[in-house]
C-alpha atoms as a PDB file:
ATOM      1  CA  MET A   1      14.320 -46.767 -57.685  1.00  0.00           C
ATOM      2  CA  SER A   2      13.047 -46.176 -54.121  1.00  0.00           C
ATOM      3  CA  VAL A   3      15.177 -44.335 -51.992  1.00  0.00           C
ATOM      4  CA  THR A   4      15.165 -43.564 -48.246  1.00  0.00           C
ATOM      5  CA  VAL A   5      16.176 -40.198 -46.952  1.00  0.00           C
ATOM      6  CA  VAL A   6      16.721 -39.842 -43.570  1.00  0.00           C
ATOM      7  CA  VAL A   7      15.769 -36.365 -42.803  1.00  0.00           C
ATOM      8  CA  PRO A   8      17.335 -34.472 -40.163  1.00  0.00           C
ATOM      9  CA  THR A   9      15.376 -32.011 -37.675  1.00  0.00           C
ATOM     10  CA  ALA A  10      16.976 -29.401 -35.246  1.00  0.00           C
ATOM     11  CA  SER A  11      16.893 -31.538 -32.623  1.00  0.00           C
ATOM     12  CA  SER A  12      17.325 -34.902 -34.529  1.00  0.00           C
ATOM     13  CA  PRO A  13      20.057 -34.036 -37.032  1.00  0.00           C
ATOM     14  CA  ALA A  14      20.933 -36.624 -39.948  1.00  0.00           C
ATOM     15  CA  LEU A  15      22.696 -37.040 -43.410  1.00  0.00           C
ATOM     16  CA  ALA A  16      24.154 -34.675 -44.650  1.00  0.00           C
ATOM     17  CA  ALA A  17      35.728 -27.619 -50.185  1.00  0.00           C
ATOM     18  CA  PRO A  18      46.163 -12.514 -58.552  1.00  0.00           C
ATOM     19  CA  ALA A  19      47.345 -16.005 -58.914  1.00  0.00           C
ATOM     20  CA  ALA A  20      50.859 -17.102 -59.008  1.00  0.00           C
ATOM     21  CA  ALA A  21      52.022 -19.894 -61.747  1.00  0.00           C
ATOM     22  CA  SER A  22      49.283 -22.210 -60.406  1.00  0.00           C
ATOM     23  CA  PRO A  23      46.271 -20.073 -59.318  1.00  0.00           C
ATOM     24  CA  VAL A  24      44.199 -23.137 -57.843  1.00  0.00           C
ATOM     25  CA  ALA A  25      47.384 -24.956 -56.169  1.00  0.00           C
ATOM     26  CA  THR A  26      46.900 -25.906 -52.489  1.00  0.00           C
ATOM     27  CA  ALA A  27      48.626 -23.143 -50.169  1.00  0.00           C
ATOM     28  CA  ALA A  28      51.401 -24.459 -47.940  1.00  0.00           C
ATOM     29  CA  VAL A  29      50.511 -21.876 -45.033  1.00  0.00           C
ATOM     30  CA  THR A  30      49.934 -23.426 -41.535  1.00  0.00           C
ATOM     31  CA  ASN A  31      49.325 -20.480 -39.309  1.00  0.00           C
ATOM     32  CA  SER A  32      45.721 -19.825 -40.133  1.00  0.00           C
ATOM     33  CA  ALA A  33      43.338 -20.645 -37.320  1.00  0.00           C
ATOM     34  CA  ILE A  34      39.880 -20.868 -36.147  1.00  0.00           C
ATOM     35  CA  THR A  35      38.932 -17.858 -33.989  1.00  0.00           C
ATOM     36  CA  PRO A  36      35.822 -17.853 -31.971  1.00  0.00           C
ATOM     37  CA  GLY A  37      32.362 -16.250 -33.021  1.00  0.00           C
ATOM     38  CA  ARG A  38      32.221 -17.844 -36.502  1.00  0.00           C
ATOM     39  CA  GLU A  39      28.804 -19.300 -35.758  1.00  0.00           C
ATOM     40  CA  ILE A  40      26.023 -17.088 -37.361  1.00  0.00           C
ATOM     41  CA  GLY A  41      23.564 -17.504 -34.426  1.00  0.00           C
ATOM     42  CA  LEU A  42      20.473 -18.463 -36.126  1.00  0.00           C
ATOM     43  CA  GLU A  43      17.390 -19.834 -34.075  1.00  0.00           C
ATOM     44  CA  GLY A  44      16.264 -22.524 -36.993  1.00  0.00           C
ATOM     45  CA  THR A  45      19.798 -23.664 -38.115  1.00  0.00           C
ATOM     46  CA  ILE A  46      22.485 -25.627 -35.996  1.00  0.00           C
ATOM     47  CA  ASN A  47      25.344 -25.272 -38.159  1.00  0.00           C
ATOM     48  CA  THR A  48      25.389 -21.951 -40.166  1.00  0.00           C
ATOM     49  CA  ARG A  49      28.426 -20.555 -40.007  1.00  0.00           C
ATOM     50  CA  THR A  50      30.585 -17.864 -41.705  1.00  0.00           C
ATOM     51  CA  LEU A  51      34.169 -18.872 -43.732  1.00  0.00           C
ATOM     52  CA  GLU A  52      35.033 -15.114 -42.985  1.00  0.00           C
ATOM     53  CA  GLY A  53      38.730 -14.574 -41.164  1.00  0.00           C
ATOM     54  CA  TYR A  54      40.600 -17.359 -42.571  1.00  0.00           C
ATOM     55  CA  ARG A  55      43.991 -16.771 -43.995  1.00  0.00           C
ATOM     56  CA  ALA A  56      45.071 -17.076 -47.291  1.00  0.00           C
ATOM     57  CA  ALA A  57      48.511 -17.892 -48.920  1.00  0.00           C
ATOM     58  CA  ASP A  58      48.876 -14.323 -49.984  1.00  0.00           C
ATOM     59  CA  GLY A  59      48.298 -13.198 -46.549  1.00  0.00           C
ATOM     60  CA  ARG A  60      44.819 -11.930 -47.250  1.00  0.00           C
ATOM     61  CA  HIS A  61      41.711 -13.170 -45.279  1.00  0.00           C
ATOM     62  CA  VAL A  62      38.331 -14.356 -46.470  1.00  0.00           C
ATOM     63  CA  ASN A  63      35.569 -11.687 -46.151  1.00  0.00           C
ATOM     64  CA  GLY A  64      32.120 -12.515 -45.097  1.00  0.00           C
ATOM     65  CA  LEU A  65      30.313 -12.992 -48.199  1.00  0.00           C
ATOM     66  CA  VAL A  66      30.082 -16.824 -48.012  1.00  0.00           C
ATOM     67  CA  LEU A  67      28.301 -18.619 -45.361  1.00  0.00           C
ATOM     68  CA  ARG A  68      27.698 -22.519 -44.895  1.00  0.00           C
ATOM     69  CA  SER A  69      24.693 -23.934 -43.557  1.00  0.00           C
ATOM     70  CA  ASP A  70      22.586 -26.974 -42.719  1.00  0.00           C
ATOM     71  CA  ASN A  71      18.802 -26.482 -44.439  1.00  0.00           C
ATOM     72  CA  LEU A  72      16.848 -23.613 -44.067  1.00  0.00           C
ATOM     73  CA  SER A  73      13.332 -25.075 -43.558  1.00  0.00           C
ATOM     74  CA  ARG A  74      12.916 -24.159 -39.856  1.00  0.00           C
ATOM     75  CA  LEU A  75      14.421 -20.226 -40.359  1.00  0.00           C
ATOM     76  CA  THR A  76      12.834 -17.917 -38.225  1.00  0.00           C
ATOM     77  CA  ALA A  77      11.436 -14.226 -38.842  1.00  0.00           C
ATOM     78  CA  SER A  78      14.593 -13.019 -37.013  1.00  0.00           C
ATOM     79  CA  ASP A  79      16.775 -15.533 -38.856  1.00  0.00           C
ATOM     80  CA  ILE A  80      15.332 -14.140 -42.083  1.00  0.00           C
ATOM     81  CA  SER A  81      15.953 -10.625 -40.990  1.00  0.00           C
ATOM     82  CA  ALA A  82      19.662 -11.597 -40.015  1.00  0.00           C
ATOM     83  CA  LEU A  83      20.406 -13.082 -43.142  1.00  0.00           C
ATOM     84  CA  ARG A  84      18.976 -10.188 -45.167  1.00  0.00           C
ATOM     85  CA  ALA A  85      20.827  -7.728 -42.845  1.00  0.00           C
ATOM     86  CA  ARG A  86      24.371  -9.834 -43.927  1.00  0.00           C
ATOM     87  CA  GLY A  87      23.345  -8.793 -48.051  1.00  0.00           C
ATOM     88  CA  LEU A  88      22.200 -12.366 -48.477  1.00  0.00           C
ATOM     89  CA  ALA A  89      21.539 -12.742 -52.634  1.00  0.00           C
ATOM     90  CA  THR A  90      21.731 -16.333 -53.470  1.00  0.00           C
ATOM     91  CA  VAL A  91      21.276 -19.691 -51.595  1.00  0.00           C
ATOM     92  CA  ILE A  92      22.448 -22.640 -53.139  1.00  0.00           C
ATOM     93  CA  ASP A  93      20.946 -26.116 -52.170  1.00  0.00           C
ATOM     94  CA  LEU A  94      23.045 -28.813 -52.831  1.00  0.00           C
ATOM     95  CA  ARG A  95      20.331 -31.404 -51.881  1.00  0.00           C
ATOM     96  CA  THR A  96      18.487 -34.127 -53.916  1.00  0.00           C
ATOM     97  CA  GLY A  97      14.972 -33.191 -54.965  1.00  0.00           C
ATOM     98  CA  ILE A  98      13.421 -35.852 -52.478  1.00  0.00           C
ATOM     99  CA  GLU A  99      14.936 -33.698 -49.762  1.00  0.00           C
ATOM    100  CA  ARG A 100      13.929 -30.411 -51.087  1.00  0.00           C
ATOM    101  CA  ALA A 101      10.585 -31.804 -51.333  1.00  0.00           C
ATOM    102  CA  VAL A 102      10.357 -33.088 -47.772  1.00  0.00           C
ATOM    103  CA  GLN A 103      12.107 -29.972 -46.055  1.00  0.00           C
ATOM    104  CA  PRO A 104      11.602 -27.101 -48.664  1.00  0.00           C
ATOM    105  CA  ASP A 105      13.809 -23.681 -47.631  1.00  0.00           C
ATOM    106  CA  ARG A 106      11.947 -21.094 -45.886  1.00  0.00           C
ATOM    107  CA  ARG A 107      12.924 -18.459 -48.687  1.00  0.00           C
ATOM    108  CA  VAL A 108      14.650 -15.133 -47.884  1.00  0.00           C
ATOM    109  CA  PRO A 109      12.761 -12.369 -49.646  1.00  0.00           C
ATOM    110  CA  GLY A 110      14.998 -11.048 -52.551  1.00  0.00           C
ATOM    111  CA  THR A 111      17.278 -13.779 -52.832  1.00  0.00           C
ATOM    112  CA  ARG A 112      17.902 -16.308 -55.718  1.00  0.00           C
ATOM    113  CA  GLN A 113      17.318 -19.918 -55.182  1.00  0.00           C
ATOM    114  CA  VAL A 114      19.986 -22.216 -57.293  1.00  0.00           C
ATOM    115  CA  SER A 115      19.726 -26.142 -57.308  1.00  0.00           C
ATOM    116  CA  ALA A 116      22.964 -27.640 -57.341  1.00  0.00           C
ATOM    117  CA  ASP A 117      21.955 -31.670 -56.720  1.00  0.00           C
ATOM    118  CA  VAL A 118      25.445 -33.122 -55.828  1.00  0.00           C
ATOM    119  CA  LEU A 119      24.182 -36.424 -55.268  1.00  0.00           C
ATOM    120  CA  GLY A 120      21.715 -36.604 -58.316  1.00  0.00           C
ATOM    121  CA  GLN A 121      23.451 -39.134 -60.355  1.00  0.00           C
ATOM    122  CA  VAL A 122      25.494 -40.862 -56.962  1.00  0.00           C
ATOM    123  CA  SER A 123      24.589 -44.434 -55.694  1.00  0.00           C
ATOM    124  CA  PRO A 124      21.222 -43.993 -53.846  1.00  0.00           C
ATOM    125  CA  LEU A 125      22.784 -45.726 -50.858  1.00  0.00           C
ATOM    126  CA  SER A 126      25.241 -42.473 -50.666  1.00  0.00           C
ATOM    127  CA  LEU A 127      21.916 -40.812 -48.757  1.00  0.00           C
ATOM    128  CA  ILE A 128      22.819 -43.429 -46.125  1.00  0.00           C
ATOM    129  CA  ASP A 129      26.314 -44.445 -46.105  1.00  0.00           C
ATOM    130  CA  VAL A 130      27.328 -40.907 -46.578  1.00  0.00           C
ATOM    131  CA  ALA A 131      31.134 -41.547 -46.090  1.00  0.00           C
ATOM    132  CA  SER A 132      31.279 -43.540 -49.435  1.00  0.00           C
ATOM    133  CA  ALA A 133      29.758 -40.670 -51.131  1.00  0.00           C
ATOM    134  CA  TYR A 134      33.291 -38.432 -50.644  1.00  0.00           C
ATOM    135  CA  PRO A 135      35.271 -40.136 -53.283  1.00  0.00           C
ATOM    136  CA  GLU A 136      32.423 -39.691 -55.882  1.00  0.00           C
ATOM    137  CA  PHE A 137      32.423 -36.026 -55.297  1.00  0.00           C
ATOM    138  CA  VAL A 138      35.521 -35.944 -57.237  1.00  0.00           C
ATOM    139  CA  THR A 139      34.843 -39.217 -59.843  1.00  0.00           C
ATOM    140  CA  ASP A 140      31.175 -38.545 -60.545  1.00  0.00           C
ATOM    141  CA  ALA A 141      30.364 -36.469 -63.756  1.00  0.00           C
ATOM    142  CA  ASN A 142      27.075 -35.014 -62.571  1.00  0.00           C
ATOM    143  CA  ALA A 143      28.484 -34.336 -58.987  1.00  0.00           C
ATOM    144  CA  ARG A 144      31.699 -32.415 -60.602  1.00  0.00           C
ATOM    145  CA  ALA A 145      29.134 -30.258 -62.763  1.00  0.00           C
ATOM    146  CA  GLN A 146      26.889 -29.328 -59.763  1.00  0.00           C
ATOM    147  CA  LEU A 147      30.037 -28.371 -57.519  1.00  0.00           C
ATOM    148  CA  ARG A 148      30.997 -26.045 -60.809  1.00  0.00           C
ATOM    149  CA  THR A 149      27.708 -24.874 -60.675  1.00  0.00           C
ATOM    150  CA  ALA A 150      28.019 -23.815 -56.917  1.00  0.00           C
ATOM    151  CA  VAL A 151      31.515 -22.427 -57.503  1.00  0.00           C
ATOM    152  CA  LEU A 152      30.735 -19.956 -60.136  1.00  0.00           C
ATOM    153  CA  GLU A 153      27.646 -18.704 -58.470  1.00  0.00           C
ATOM    154  CA  ILE A 154      29.416 -17.984 -55.621  1.00  0.00           C
ATOM    155  CA  ALA A 155      32.117 -15.882 -57.950  1.00  0.00           C
ATOM    156  CA  LYS A 156      29.084 -14.373 -59.592  1.00  0.00           C
ATOM    157  CA  THR A 157      27.398 -13.068 -56.585  1.00  0.00           C
ATOM    158  CA  ALA A 158      30.738 -12.005 -54.837  1.00  0.00           C
ATOM    159  CA  LYS A 159      31.566  -9.848 -57.615  1.00  0.00           C
ATOM    160  CA  THR A 160      28.472  -7.709 -56.856  1.00  0.00           C
ATOM    161  CA  GLY A 161      29.412  -7.369 -53.236  1.00  0.00           C
ATOM    162  CA  ARG A 162      26.543  -9.575 -52.268  1.00  0.00           C
ATOM    163  CA  THR A 163      26.487 -12.928 -49.857  1.00  0.00           C
ATOM    164  CA  THR A 164      25.682 -16.305 -50.846  1.00  0.00           C
ATOM    165  CA  LEU A 165      24.879 -19.092 -48.376  1.00  0.00           C
ATOM    166  CA  PHE A 166      25.452 -22.956 -49.769  1.00  0.00           C
ATOM    167  CA  HIS A 167      23.846 -25.982 -47.511  1.00  0.00           C
ATOM    168  CA  CYS A 168      22.850 -29.775 -47.858  1.00  0.00           C
ATOM    169  CA  SER A 169      20.573 -30.976 -45.072  1.00  0.00           C
ATOM    170  CA  ALA A 170      23.095 -31.240 -42.202  1.00  0.00           C
ATOM    171  CA  GLY A 171      25.691 -28.768 -43.551  1.00  0.00           C
ATOM    172  CA  LYS A 172      28.406 -31.484 -43.080  1.00  0.00           C
ATOM    173  CA  ASP A 173      29.295 -33.570 -46.036  1.00  0.00           C
ATOM    174  CA  ARG A 174      28.417 -31.847 -49.115  1.00  0.00           C
ATOM    175  CA  THR A 175      28.478 -28.639 -47.494  1.00  0.00           C
ATOM    176  CA  GLY A 176      31.616 -29.274 -46.185  1.00  0.00           C
ATOM    177  CA  TRP A 177      33.303 -30.568 -49.455  1.00  0.00           C
ATOM    178  CA  VAL A 178      31.833 -27.225 -50.967  1.00  0.00           C
ATOM    179  CA  ALA A 179      33.686 -25.470 -48.069  1.00  0.00           C
ATOM    180  CA  ALA A 180      36.865 -27.367 -48.909  1.00  0.00           C
ATOM    181  CA  VAL A 181      37.052 -26.448 -52.227  1.00  0.00           C
ATOM    182  CA  LEU A 182      36.312 -23.112 -52.012  1.00  0.00           C
ATOM    183  CA  LEU A 183      38.634 -22.218 -49.430  1.00  0.00           C
ATOM    184  CA  THR A 184      41.406 -24.417 -51.708  1.00  0.00           C
ATOM    185  CA  VAL A 185      40.611 -22.298 -54.695  1.00  0.00           C
ATOM    186  CA  LEU A 186      41.426 -18.924 -52.513  1.00  0.00           C
ATOM    187  CA  GLY A 187      44.701 -20.551 -51.200  1.00  0.00           C
ATOM    188  CA  VAL A 188      43.828 -21.370 -47.623  1.00  0.00           C
ATOM    189  CA  ASP A 189      46.154 -24.145 -45.998  1.00  0.00           C
ATOM    190  CA  ARG A 190      44.705 -27.563 -45.463  1.00  0.00           C
ATOM    191  CA  ALA A 191      44.798 -27.781 -41.963  1.00  0.00           C
ATOM    192  CA  THR A 192      42.588 -25.040 -41.905  1.00  0.00           C
ATOM    193  CA  ILE A 193      40.248 -26.156 -44.275  1.00  0.00           C
ATOM    194  CA  GLU A 194      40.410 -29.601 -42.086  1.00  0.00           C
ATOM    195  CA  ALA A 195      39.654 -27.699 -38.700  1.00  0.00           C
ATOM    196  CA  ASP A 196      36.654 -26.034 -40.482  1.00  0.00           C
ATOM    197  CA  TYR A 197      35.215 -29.412 -41.416  1.00  0.00           C
ATOM    198  CA  LEU A 198      35.724 -31.045 -38.239  1.00  0.00           C
ATOM    199  CA  ALA A 199      33.676 -27.850 -36.563  1.00  0.00           C
ATOM    200  CA  SER A 200      30.508 -29.689 -37.410  1.00  0.00           C
ATOM    201  CA  ASN A 201      30.985 -31.771 -34.788  1.00  0.00           C
ATOM    202  CA  HIS A 202      31.266 -29.064 -32.382  1.00  0.00           C
ATOM    203  CA  TYR A 203      27.857 -27.202 -33.800  1.00  0.00           C
ATOM    204  CA  ARG A 204      25.919 -30.414 -34.220  1.00  0.00           C
ATOM    205  CA  ARG A 205      27.262 -31.811 -30.911  1.00  0.00           C
ATOM    206  CA  ALA A 206      28.210 -34.834 -32.687  1.00  0.00           C
ATOM    207  CA  SER A 207      31.073 -37.568 -32.536  1.00  0.00           C
ATOM    208  CA  ALA A 208      33.688 -38.327 -35.523  1.00  0.00           C
ATOM    209  CA  THR A 209      32.323 -41.861 -34.614  1.00  0.00           C
ATOM    210  CA  ASP A 210      29.165 -41.022 -35.766  1.00  0.00           C
ATOM    211  CA  PRO A 211      28.640 -40.848 -39.525  1.00  0.00           C
ATOM    212  CA  ILE A 212      24.915 -39.847 -39.463  1.00  0.00           C
ATOM    213  CA  ASN A 213      25.277 -36.889 -37.403  1.00  0.00           C
ATOM    214  CA  GLY A 214      29.188 -36.023 -37.328  1.00  0.00           C
ATOM    215  CA  VAL A 215      32.153 -36.147 -39.619  1.00  0.00           C
ATOM    216  CA  ASP A 216      35.487 -37.738 -39.543  1.00  0.00           C
ATOM    217  CA  ILE A 217      38.807 -36.482 -40.956  1.00  0.00           C
ATOM    218  CA  SER A 218      38.888 -39.673 -42.953  1.00  0.00           C
ATOM    219  CA  MET A 219      35.919 -38.960 -44.956  1.00  0.00           C
ATOM    220  CA  LEU A 220      37.044 -35.554 -46.257  1.00  0.00           C
ATOM    221  CA  ASN A 221      40.564 -37.110 -46.943  1.00  0.00           C
ATOM    222  CA  SER A 222      39.142 -39.884 -49.155  1.00  0.00           C
ATOM    223  CA  ALA A 223      37.651 -37.144 -51.656  1.00  0.00           C
ATOM    224  CA  PHE A 224      41.358 -35.356 -51.523  1.00  0.00           C
ATOM    225  CA  ALA A 225      43.002 -38.647 -51.922  1.00  0.00           C
ATOM    226  CA  ALA A 226      40.392 -39.475 -55.034  1.00  0.00           C
ATOM    227  CA  ALA A 227      41.580 -36.104 -56.196  1.00  0.00           C
ATOM    228  CA  ASP A 228      44.974 -36.941 -56.470  1.00  0.00           C
ATOM    229  CA  ARG A 229      44.584 -40.577 -57.544  1.00  0.00           C
ATOM    230  CA  VAL A 230      42.490 -39.229 -60.693  1.00  0.00           C
ATOM    231  CA  TYR A 231      43.557 -35.815 -61.375  1.00  0.00           C
ATOM    232  CA  GLY A 232      47.243 -35.862 -59.921  1.00  0.00           C
ATOM    233  CA  SER A 233      46.414 -33.165 -57.369  1.00  0.00           C
ATOM    234  CA  MET A 234      43.831 -30.912 -56.145  1.00  0.00           C
ATOM    235  CA  ASP A 235      44.666 -28.388 -58.568  1.00  0.00           C
ATOM    236  CA  GLY A 236      44.305 -30.990 -61.349  1.00  0.00           C
ATOM    237  CA  TYR A 237      40.780 -31.840 -59.805  1.00  0.00           C
ATOM    238  CA  LEU A 238      39.929 -27.611 -59.753  1.00  0.00           C
ATOM    239  CA  ARG A 239      41.191 -27.191 -63.422  1.00  0.00           C
ATOM    240  CA  LYS A 240      40.453 -30.493 -65.323  1.00  0.00           C
ATOM    241  CA  GLY A 241      37.478 -31.891 -63.081  1.00  0.00           C
ATOM    242  CA  LEU A 242      35.757 -28.787 -62.136  1.00  0.00           C
ATOM    243  CA  ARG A 243      36.993 -26.818 -65.268  1.00  0.00           C
ATOM    244  CA  LEU A 244      37.824 -23.628 -63.293  1.00  0.00           C
ATOM    245  CA  THR A 245      40.124 -21.037 -65.388  1.00  0.00           C
ATOM    246  CA  ASP A 246      42.602 -18.810 -64.264  1.00  0.00           C
ATOM    247  CA  GLU A 247      39.927 -16.075 -64.572  1.00  0.00           C
ATOM    248  CA  ASP A 248      37.404 -17.657 -62.325  1.00  0.00           C
ATOM    249  CA  VAL A 249      39.893 -18.212 -59.547  1.00  0.00           C
ATOM    250  CA  ASP A 250      41.229 -14.534 -60.046  1.00  0.00           C
ATOM    251  CA  SER A 251      37.333 -13.686 -59.922  1.00  0.00           C
ATOM    252  CA  LEU A 252      36.830 -15.558 -56.775  1.00  0.00           C
ATOM    253  CA  ARG A 253      39.992 -14.260 -55.028  1.00  0.00           C
ATOM    254  CA  SER A 254      39.574 -10.792 -55.835  1.00  0.00           C
ATOM    255  CA  SER A 255      35.706 -10.726 -54.584  1.00  0.00           C
ATOM    256  CA  LEU A 256      36.317 -12.883 -51.378  1.00  0.00           C
ATOM    257  CA  LEU A 257      39.839 -12.022 -50.118  1.00  0.00           C
ATOM    258  CA  SER A 258      40.754  -8.878 -48.413  1.00  0.00           C
END
């Protein structure tokens, strides 16, 4: 099947989330806030930022061992030095094989490159009509398997005290859902998760009404709604859909919260 992929550029971007009784339940805390300076000032990307500082339900905060980004094909030597200085050890590429071939990542020496092609078995139309892909992040078996891989790779790297960067093409849709999943596992409240997701519009200078370059909260909510519909809750999606165990959750929280 022939698939047309709209490839983003830096100037013309395109397509792109110790436990209590329920360790992966969505937290009800509402006093977290996005603070200034979350962006990582790289020259060759426009949507690279840390999840550091978000408050979890237990009062701890997310540390700096996880970065989210758009594609890394235009990293400069200065960017590579900056990422190495942050202890980058693992890069998780959420893109399709076609996207990786057209815009291969510029490798950061000393890092592992992990492919987690979330859209691999999803309808090719999702590469163009990205809004339609969000429920399939939840309902598609391949998407769930790749998302599980991404989350467990983050856990594996964090246990060593090193940093993971995950990205897609524009750093907003697939990356946005991985961030939402991870922050949910860590116990960050939904309002903060939504704000982190919508921050792509700021960094990409895009409008929520432009689904190619921006994001709208209804897109993220369609994935949350699919989790509720199919699994009863996000907790059910994380436990049954992604098959995360108590040990997985405890590992992520002990490594990524301080």
